[in-house]
Amino acid sequence: MPPPDTMYCSQQIRIPPELPDILKNFTKAAIRSQPKDLLLWSAEYFGALSKRENMPVKNRLELTVATQKTSTRLTAGLLKNLHDQLSCGQTCSKEELQQKWKGLHLPEEQLETLLSLAGFSSDVDWMEFFALGCSALGGTLTSSLKFACEILTEDEEGGAASIPFSTFTRLYTYLAHLDGDLPQSHIDNCLGSLQSKAEGQNGMIQVSNFYISRKRGKTRQRALEKHKVTK
């Protein structure tokens, strides 16, 4: 008779102590570098790591700027469409998201990249995925949040684009942590400053509270970032 399947208990499984740091650094590098071919880039990354060579990692997160003249990529309108369909619960299944994504004729590789960056398994935290979608539209952290406000707001088009401060806080904190370069003290200070504005606006935050349009010729530092994301 064939031997029974080997059974393991948690005490028998040894996790290399360096593994968590390796995976954490890999994830941060992938988010910053935004590789078009994640598998190919991963092979190059771990090959360089094993040889102690310089790895193919960008110094800072460079979010995709939505200036591509094509209808085959994610747009603010399509992301709003997905939000309307999938935001009824806190999470949605990966299969449901893939079905809705395919239904909008969006490229599968773009979806897989977003899912891989966040490490979603079978269930997808919708607001976290929504934040990633906004990062695919915006060129900086603030412009990503601007897209989020414009998509989520119930104001009329051309209005203040206000959203609840609690929602803004969640999106900002998530994206700021993905960036990896903003210290927690900076995040807390920014939110504290914006909270006082929200308290005077019935608990709502609006785009003009944090976003300075370049078209207006303003040069002062943006409220939510220490540095610009280089192109």
C-alpha atoms as a PDB file:
ATOM      1  CA  MET A   1       0.000   0.000   0.000  1.00  0.00           C
ATOM      2  CA  PRO A   2       1.239   3.535  -0.714  1.00  0.00           C
ATOM      3  CA  PRO A   3       2.333   5.458   2.393  1.00  0.00           C
ATOM      4  CA  PRO A   4      -0.217   7.894   3.773  1.00  0.00           C
ATOM      5  CA  ASP A   5       0.129  11.563   2.930  1.00  0.00           C
ATOM      6  CA  THR A   6       2.608  13.263   5.209  1.00  0.00           C
ATOM      7  CA  MET A   7       0.970  15.568   7.717  1.00  0.00           C
ATOM      8  CA  TYR A   8       2.747  18.617   9.066  1.00  0.00           C
ATOM      9  CA  CYS A   9       1.991  20.733  12.095  1.00  0.00           C
ATOM     10  CA  SER A  10       2.898  24.383  12.470  1.00  0.00           C
ATOM     11  CA  GLN A  11       5.854  23.493  14.703  1.00  0.00           C
ATOM     12  CA  GLN A  12       7.437  21.491  11.847  1.00  0.00           C
ATOM     13  CA  ILE A  13       7.316  24.300   9.306  1.00  0.00           C
ATOM     14  CA  ARG A  14      10.366  26.505   9.491  1.00  0.00           C
ATOM     15  CA  ILE A  15      10.114  29.966   7.940  1.00  0.00           C
ATOM     16  CA  PRO A  16      13.529  31.455   7.147  1.00  0.00           C
ATOM     17  CA  PRO A  17      13.926  34.503   9.396  1.00  0.00           C
ATOM     18  CA  GLU A  18      15.048  36.700   6.497  1.00  0.00           C
ATOM     19  CA  LEU A  19      12.022  35.845   4.326  1.00  0.00           C
ATOM     20  CA  PRO A  20       9.621  38.542   5.660  1.00  0.00           C
ATOM     21  CA  ASP A  21      12.140  41.328   5.000  1.00  0.00           C
ATOM     22  CA  ILE A  22      12.951  39.965   1.534  1.00  0.00           C
ATOM     23  CA  LEU A  23       9.274  39.898   0.560  1.00  0.00           C
ATOM     24  CA  LYS A  24       8.603  43.316   2.082  1.00  0.00           C
ATOM     25  CA  ASN A  25      11.514  44.906   0.208  1.00  0.00           C
ATOM     26  CA  PHE A  26      10.484  43.165  -3.017  1.00  0.00           C
ATOM     27  CA  THR A  27       6.911  44.449  -2.734  1.00  0.00           C
ATOM     28  CA  LYS A  28       8.048  48.030  -2.082  1.00  0.00           C
ATOM     29  CA  ALA A  29      10.476  47.834  -5.012  1.00  0.00           C
ATOM     30  CA  ALA A  30       7.750  46.569  -7.345  1.00  0.00           C
ATOM     31  CA  ILE A  31       5.380  49.344  -6.277  1.00  0.00           C
ATOM     32  CA  ARG A  32       8.037  51.996  -6.834  1.00  0.00           C
ATOM     33  CA  SER A  33       9.254  50.635 -10.163  1.00  0.00           C
ATOM     34  CA  GLN A  34       5.851  49.872 -11.707  1.00  0.00           C
ATOM     35  CA  PRO A  35       7.296  47.264 -14.139  1.00  0.00           C
ATOM     36  CA  LYS A  36       5.336  46.559 -17.310  1.00  0.00           C
ATOM     37  CA  ASP A  37       6.258  42.862 -17.151  1.00  0.00           C
ATOM     38  CA  LEU A  38       6.186  41.986 -13.461  1.00  0.00           C
ATOM     39  CA  LEU A  39       7.427  38.393 -13.896  1.00  0.00           C
ATOM     40  CA  LEU A  40      10.390  39.389 -16.060  1.00  0.00           C
ATOM     41  CA  TRP A  41      11.245  42.237 -13.721  1.00  0.00           C
ATOM     42  CA  SER A  42      10.990  39.891 -10.713  1.00  0.00           C
ATOM     43  CA  ALA A  43      13.499  37.508 -12.297  1.00  0.00           C
ATOM     44  CA  GLU A  44      15.911  40.393 -12.843  1.00  0.00           C
ATOM     45  CA  TYR A  45      15.324  41.689  -9.316  1.00  0.00           C
ATOM     46  CA  PHE A  46      16.059  38.407  -7.533  1.00  0.00           C
ATOM     47  CA  GLY A  47      18.932  37.621  -9.904  1.00  0.00           C
ATOM     48  CA  ALA A  48      20.601  40.901  -9.014  1.00  0.00           C
ATOM     49  CA  LEU A  49      19.832  40.372  -5.329  1.00  0.00           C
ATOM     50  CA  SER A  50      21.476  36.937  -5.308  1.00  0.00           C
ATOM     51  CA  LYS A  51      24.565  38.344  -7.061  1.00  0.00           C
ATOM     52  CA  ARG A  52      24.668  41.423  -4.807  1.00  0.00           C
ATOM     53  CA  GLU A  53      24.360  43.666  -7.857  1.00  0.00           C
ATOM     54  CA  ASN A  54      22.420  46.891  -8.268  1.00  0.00           C
ATOM     55  CA  MET A  55      18.759  45.990  -8.605  1.00  0.00           C
ATOM     56  CA  PRO A  56      16.331  47.392 -11.219  1.00  0.00           C
ATOM     57  CA  VAL A  57      14.484  49.567  -8.706  1.00  0.00           C
ATOM     58  CA  LYS A  58      13.449  53.201  -9.069  1.00  0.00           C
ATOM     59  CA  ASN A  59      14.297  55.545  -6.212  1.00  0.00           C
ATOM     60  CA  ARG A  60      10.743  56.828  -5.886  1.00  0.00           C
ATOM     61  CA  LEU A  61       7.232  55.759  -6.811  1.00  0.00           C
ATOM     62  CA  GLU A  62       6.279  56.987 -10.260  1.00  0.00           C
ATOM     63  CA  LEU A  63       2.543  56.727 -10.750  1.00  0.00           C
ATOM     64  CA  THR A  64       1.273  56.423 -14.299  1.00  0.00           C
ATOM     65  CA  VAL A  65       0.112  59.763 -15.693  1.00  0.00           C
ATOM     66  CA  ALA A  66      -3.233  59.581 -17.425  1.00  0.00           C
ATOM     67  CA  THR A  67      -2.201  61.298 -20.631  1.00  0.00           C
ATOM     68  CA  GLN A  68      -2.312  58.284 -22.922  1.00  0.00           C
ATOM     69  CA  LYS A  69      -4.637  58.858 -25.866  1.00  0.00           C
ATOM     70  CA  THR A  70      -6.220  55.438 -25.794  1.00  0.00           C
ATOM     71  CA  SER A  71      -9.515  53.988 -24.671  1.00  0.00           C
ATOM     72  CA  THR A  72      -7.965  50.647 -23.732  1.00  0.00           C
ATOM     73  CA  ARG A  73      -6.565  51.853 -20.420  1.00  0.00           C
ATOM     74  CA  LEU A  74      -8.281  52.662 -17.164  1.00  0.00           C
ATOM     75  CA  THR A  75      -9.897  56.109 -17.057  1.00  0.00           C
ATOM     76  CA  ALA A  76     -11.672  58.050 -14.310  1.00  0.00           C
ATOM     77  CA  GLY A  77     -15.013  57.271 -15.914  1.00  0.00           C
ATOM     78  CA  LEU A  78     -14.319  53.553 -16.101  1.00  0.00           C
ATOM     79  CA  LEU A  79     -13.036  53.479 -12.508  1.00  0.00           C
ATOM     80  CA  LYS A  80     -16.236  55.191 -11.383  1.00  0.00           C
ATOM     81  CA  ASN A  81     -18.157  52.539 -13.301  1.00  0.00           C
ATOM     82  CA  LEU A  82     -16.325  49.800 -11.443  1.00  0.00           C
ATOM     83  CA  HIS A  83     -16.887  51.604  -8.143  1.00  0.00           C
ATOM     84  CA  ASP A  84     -20.603  51.827  -8.769  1.00  0.00           C
ATOM     85  CA  GLN A  85     -20.726  48.085  -9.442  1.00  0.00           C
ATOM     86  CA  LEU A  86     -18.417  46.768  -6.737  1.00  0.00           C
ATOM     87  CA  SER A  87     -18.552  49.174  -3.782  1.00  0.00           C
ATOM     88  CA  CYS A  88     -21.710  47.768  -2.227  1.00  0.00           C
ATOM     89  CA  GLY A  89     -19.613  45.623   0.105  1.00  0.00           C
ATOM     90  CA  GLN A  90     -16.264  46.123   1.819  1.00  0.00           C
ATOM     91  CA  THR A  91     -14.754  43.381  -0.315  1.00  0.00           C
ATOM     92  CA  CYS A  92     -15.428  41.702  -3.629  1.00  0.00           C
ATOM     93  CA  SER A  93     -14.133  38.454  -5.052  1.00  0.00           C
ATOM     94  CA  LYS A  94     -11.231  38.517  -7.466  1.00  0.00           C
ATOM     95  CA  GLU A  95     -13.376  36.614  -9.961  1.00  0.00           C
ATOM     96  CA  GLU A  96     -16.115  39.257  -9.826  1.00  0.00           C
ATOM     97  CA  LEU A  97     -13.599  42.054 -10.303  1.00  0.00           C
ATOM     98  CA  GLN A  98     -12.034  40.240 -13.251  1.00  0.00           C
ATOM     99  CA  GLN A  99     -15.463  39.786 -14.801  1.00  0.00           C
ATOM    100  CA  LYS A 100     -16.384  43.466 -14.446  1.00  0.00           C
ATOM    101  CA  TRP A 101     -12.942  44.530 -15.668  1.00  0.00           C
ATOM    102  CA  LYS A 102     -13.209  42.311 -18.737  1.00  0.00           C
ATOM    103  CA  GLY A 103     -16.689  43.627 -19.378  1.00  0.00           C
ATOM    104  CA  LEU A 104     -15.229  47.130 -19.756  1.00  0.00           C
ATOM    105  CA  HIS A 105     -12.678  45.803 -22.272  1.00  0.00           C
ATOM    106  CA  LEU A 106      -9.779  46.847 -20.087  1.00  0.00           C
ATOM    107  CA  PRO A 107      -6.392  45.113 -20.489  1.00  0.00           C
ATOM    108  CA  GLU A 108      -5.963  42.088 -18.253  1.00  0.00           C
ATOM    109  CA  GLU A 109      -2.287  42.842 -17.664  1.00  0.00           C
ATOM    110  CA  GLN A 110      -3.153  46.189 -16.059  1.00  0.00           C
ATOM    111  CA  LEU A 111      -5.533  44.475 -13.652  1.00  0.00           C
ATOM    112  CA  GLU A 112      -3.026  41.758 -12.793  1.00  0.00           C
ATOM    113  CA  THR A 113      -0.375  44.391 -12.094  1.00  0.00           C
ATOM    114  CA  LEU A 114      -2.649  46.226  -9.660  1.00  0.00           C
ATOM    115  CA  LEU A 115      -3.666  42.993  -7.949  1.00  0.00           C
ATOM    116  CA  SER A 116      -0.050  41.870  -7.657  1.00  0.00           C
ATOM    117  CA  LEU A 117       1.134  45.151  -6.188  1.00  0.00           C
ATOM    118  CA  ALA A 118      -1.407  44.963  -3.387  1.00  0.00           C
ATOM    119  CA  GLY A 119      -1.036  41.225  -2.836  1.00  0.00           C
ATOM    120  CA  PHE A 120      -4.765  40.516  -2.939  1.00  0.00           C
ATOM    121  CA  SER A 121      -5.746  36.863  -2.674  1.00  0.00           C
ATOM    122  CA  SER A 122      -9.274  35.600  -3.304  1.00  0.00           C
ATOM    123  CA  ASP A 123     -10.974  38.612  -1.695  1.00  0.00           C
ATOM    124  CA  VAL A 124     -10.231  42.193  -2.723  1.00  0.00           C
ATOM    125  CA  ASP A 125     -10.613  45.120  -0.335  1.00  0.00           C
ATOM    126  CA  TRP A 126     -12.498  47.392  -2.684  1.00  0.00           C
ATOM    127  CA  MET A 127     -11.406  50.782  -1.328  1.00  0.00           C
ATOM    128  CA  GLU A 128      -7.761  49.704  -1.401  1.00  0.00           C
ATOM    129  CA  PHE A 129      -8.135  48.589  -5.000  1.00  0.00           C
ATOM    130  CA  PHE A 130      -9.959  51.831  -5.757  1.00  0.00           C
ATOM    131  CA  ALA A 131      -7.002  53.753  -4.321  1.00  0.00           C
ATOM    132  CA  LEU A 132      -4.641  51.801  -6.564  1.00  0.00           C
ATOM    133  CA  GLY A 133      -6.872  52.584  -9.516  1.00  0.00           C
ATOM    134  CA  CYS A 134      -6.611  56.287  -8.697  1.00  0.00           C
ATOM    135  CA  SER A 135      -2.815  55.934  -8.487  1.00  0.00           C
ATOM    136  CA  ALA A 136      -2.857  54.531 -12.023  1.00  0.00           C
ATOM    137  CA  LEU A 137      -4.593  57.733 -13.118  1.00  0.00           C
ATOM    138  CA  GLY A 138      -2.580  60.293 -11.157  1.00  0.00           C
ATOM    139  CA  GLY A 139       1.035  61.289 -11.563  1.00  0.00           C
ATOM    140  CA  THR A 140       1.539  62.113  -7.870  1.00  0.00           C
ATOM    141  CA  LEU A 141      -0.019  61.286  -4.542  1.00  0.00           C
ATOM    142  CA  THR A 142      -2.033  64.507  -4.517  1.00  0.00           C
ATOM    143  CA  SER A 143      -3.299  64.116  -8.068  1.00  0.00           C
ATOM    144  CA  SER A 144      -4.322  60.538  -7.259  1.00  0.00           C
ATOM    145  CA  LEU A 145      -6.352  61.855  -4.318  1.00  0.00           C
ATOM    146  CA  LYS A 146      -7.814  64.545  -6.569  1.00  0.00           C
ATOM    147  CA  PHE A 147      -9.086  61.809  -8.892  1.00  0.00           C
ATOM    148  CA  ALA A 148     -10.512  59.961  -5.890  1.00  0.00           C
ATOM    149  CA  CYS A 149     -12.452  63.024  -4.731  1.00  0.00           C
ATOM    150  CA  GLU A 150     -13.774  63.744  -8.208  1.00  0.00           C
ATOM    151  CA  ILE A 151     -14.934  60.149  -8.642  1.00  0.00           C
ATOM    152  CA  LEU A 152     -16.469  59.684  -5.184  1.00  0.00           C
ATOM    153  CA  THR A 153     -18.061  63.105  -4.692  1.00  0.00           C
ATOM    154  CA  GLU A 154     -21.795  63.621  -4.751  1.00  0.00           C
ATOM    155  CA  ASP A 155     -21.324  67.288  -5.669  1.00  0.00           C
ATOM    156  CA  GLU A 156     -22.398  68.495  -9.071  1.00  0.00           C
ATOM    157  CA  GLU A 157     -19.812  68.416 -11.834  1.00  0.00           C
ATOM    158  CA  GLY A 158     -17.498  71.394 -11.533  1.00  0.00           C
ATOM    159  CA  GLY A 159     -18.243  71.744  -7.819  1.00  0.00           C
ATOM    160  CA  ALA A 160     -15.944  71.421  -4.835  1.00  0.00           C
ATOM    161  CA  ALA A 161     -15.597  67.623  -5.253  1.00  0.00           C
ATOM    162  CA  SER A 162     -15.935  67.035  -1.520  1.00  0.00           C
ATOM    163  CA  ILE A 163     -15.921  63.644   0.217  1.00  0.00           C
ATOM    164  CA  PRO A 164     -16.114  62.594   3.886  1.00  0.00           C
ATOM    165  CA  PHE A 165     -12.854  63.242   5.721  1.00  0.00           C
ATOM    166  CA  SER A 166     -12.881  59.648   7.013  1.00  0.00           C
ATOM    167  CA  THR A 167     -12.854  58.339   3.446  1.00  0.00           C
ATOM    168  CA  PHE A 168     -10.074  60.744   2.468  1.00  0.00           C
ATOM    169  CA  THR A 169      -8.034  59.683   5.497  1.00  0.00           C
ATOM    170  CA  ARG A 170      -8.247  56.026   4.553  1.00  0.00           C
ATOM    171  CA  LEU A 171      -7.255  56.607   0.930  1.00  0.00           C
ATOM    172  CA  TYR A 172      -4.437  59.011   1.787  1.00  0.00           C
ATOM    173  CA  THR A 173      -2.991  56.765   4.494  1.00  0.00           C
ATOM    174  CA  TYR A 174      -3.064  53.713   2.242  1.00  0.00           C
ATOM    175  CA  LEU A 175      -1.358  55.434  -0.689  1.00  0.00           C
ATOM    176  CA  ALA A 176       1.156  57.217   1.530  1.00  0.00           C
ATOM    177  CA  HIS A 177       2.209  53.911   3.063  1.00  0.00           C
ATOM    178  CA  LEU A 178       2.576  52.405  -0.409  1.00  0.00           C
ATOM    179  CA  ASP A 179       4.859  55.279  -1.343  1.00  0.00           C
ATOM    180  CA  GLY A 180       7.112  54.252   1.522  1.00  0.00           C
ATOM    181  CA  ASP A 181       9.032  57.532   1.747  1.00  0.00           C
ATOM    182  CA  LEU A 182       6.638  59.590   3.845  1.00  0.00           C
ATOM    183  CA  PRO A 183       7.273  59.224   7.593  1.00  0.00           C
ATOM    184  CA  GLN A 184       4.271  58.565   9.795  1.00  0.00           C
ATOM    185  CA  SER A 185       4.804  61.891  11.559  1.00  0.00           C
ATOM    186  CA  HIS A 186       4.415  63.725   8.242  1.00  0.00           C
ATOM    187  CA  ILE A 187       1.241  61.782   7.443  1.00  0.00           C
ATOM    188  CA  ASP A 188      -0.197  62.541  10.878  1.00  0.00           C
ATOM    189  CA  ASN A 189       0.659  66.245  10.623  1.00  0.00           C
ATOM    190  CA  CYS A 190      -0.968  66.562   7.210  1.00  0.00           C
ATOM    191  CA  LEU A 191      -4.127  64.825   8.341  1.00  0.00           C
ATOM    192  CA  GLY A 192      -4.259  66.925  11.489  1.00  0.00           C
ATOM    193  CA  SER A 193      -4.024  70.110   9.454  1.00  0.00           C
ATOM    194  CA  LEU A 194      -6.713  68.961   7.020  1.00  0.00           C
ATOM    195  CA  GLN A 195      -9.000  67.760   9.803  1.00  0.00           C
ATOM    196  CA  SER A 196      -9.375  71.314  11.100  1.00  0.00           C
ATOM    197  CA  LYS A 197     -10.535  72.375   7.644  1.00  0.00           C
ATOM    198  CA  ALA A 198     -12.941  69.447   7.429  1.00  0.00           C
ATOM    199  CA  GLU A 199     -14.470  70.331  10.797  1.00  0.00           C
ATOM    200  CA  GLY A 200     -15.452  73.690   9.354  1.00  0.00           C
ATOM    201  CA  GLN A 201     -16.975  71.986   6.305  1.00  0.00           C
ATOM    202  CA  ASN A 202     -19.368  69.561   8.011  1.00  0.00           C
ATOM    203  CA  GLY A 203     -16.790  66.792   8.122  1.00  0.00           C
ATOM    204  CA  MET A 204     -16.025  67.027   4.403  1.00  0.00           C
ATOM    205  CA  ILE A 205     -12.713  67.560   2.633  1.00  0.00           C
ATOM    206  CA  GLN A 206     -12.562  69.077  -0.831  1.00  0.00           C
ATOM    207  CA  VAL A 207      -9.962  69.214  -3.577  1.00  0.00           C
ATOM    208  CA  SER A 208      -9.075  72.851  -2.988  1.00  0.00           C
ATOM    209  CA  ASN A 209      -8.027  71.985   0.589  1.00  0.00           C
ATOM    210  CA  PHE A 210      -5.006  70.004  -0.587  1.00  0.00           C
ATOM    211  CA  TYR A 211      -4.490  70.331  -4.344  1.00  0.00           C
ATOM    212  CA  ILE A 212      -2.770  73.274  -6.013  1.00  0.00           C
ATOM    213  CA  SER A 213      -3.409  73.423  -9.750  1.00  0.00           C
ATOM    214  CA  ARG A 214      -0.304  74.131 -11.791  1.00  0.00           C
ATOM    215  CA  LYS A 215      -2.449  76.032 -14.270  1.00  0.00           C
ATOM    216  CA  ARG A 216      -3.069  78.657 -11.598  1.00  0.00           C
ATOM    217  CA  GLY A 217       0.655  79.342 -11.349  1.00  0.00           C
ATOM    218  CA  LYS A 218       0.869  78.489  -7.655  1.00  0.00           C
ATOM    219  CA  THR A 219       4.373  77.457  -6.547  1.00  0.00           C
ATOM    220  CA  ARG A 220       4.018  76.666  -2.867  1.00  0.00           C
ATOM    221  CA  GLN A 221       4.621  73.100  -1.756  1.00  0.00           C
ATOM    222  CA  ARG A 222       1.735  70.703  -2.063  1.00  0.00           C
ATOM    223  CA  ALA A 223       0.091  69.932   1.235  1.00  0.00           C
ATOM    224  CA  LEU A 224       0.357  66.156   1.216  1.00  0.00           C
ATOM    225  CA  GLU A 225       3.838  65.475  -0.173  1.00  0.00           C
ATOM    226  CA  LYS A 226       7.377  66.258   0.816  1.00  0.00           C
ATOM    227  CA  HIS A 227       8.724  65.772  -2.690  1.00  0.00           C
ATOM    228  CA  LYS A 228       7.482  65.723  -6.264  1.00  0.00           C
ATOM    229  CA  VAL A 229       7.453  62.391  -8.005  1.00  0.00           C
ATOM    230  CA  THR A 230      10.089  62.661 -10.689  1.00  0.00           C
ATOM    231  CA  LYS A 231       9.157  61.799 -14.249  1.00  0.00           C
END
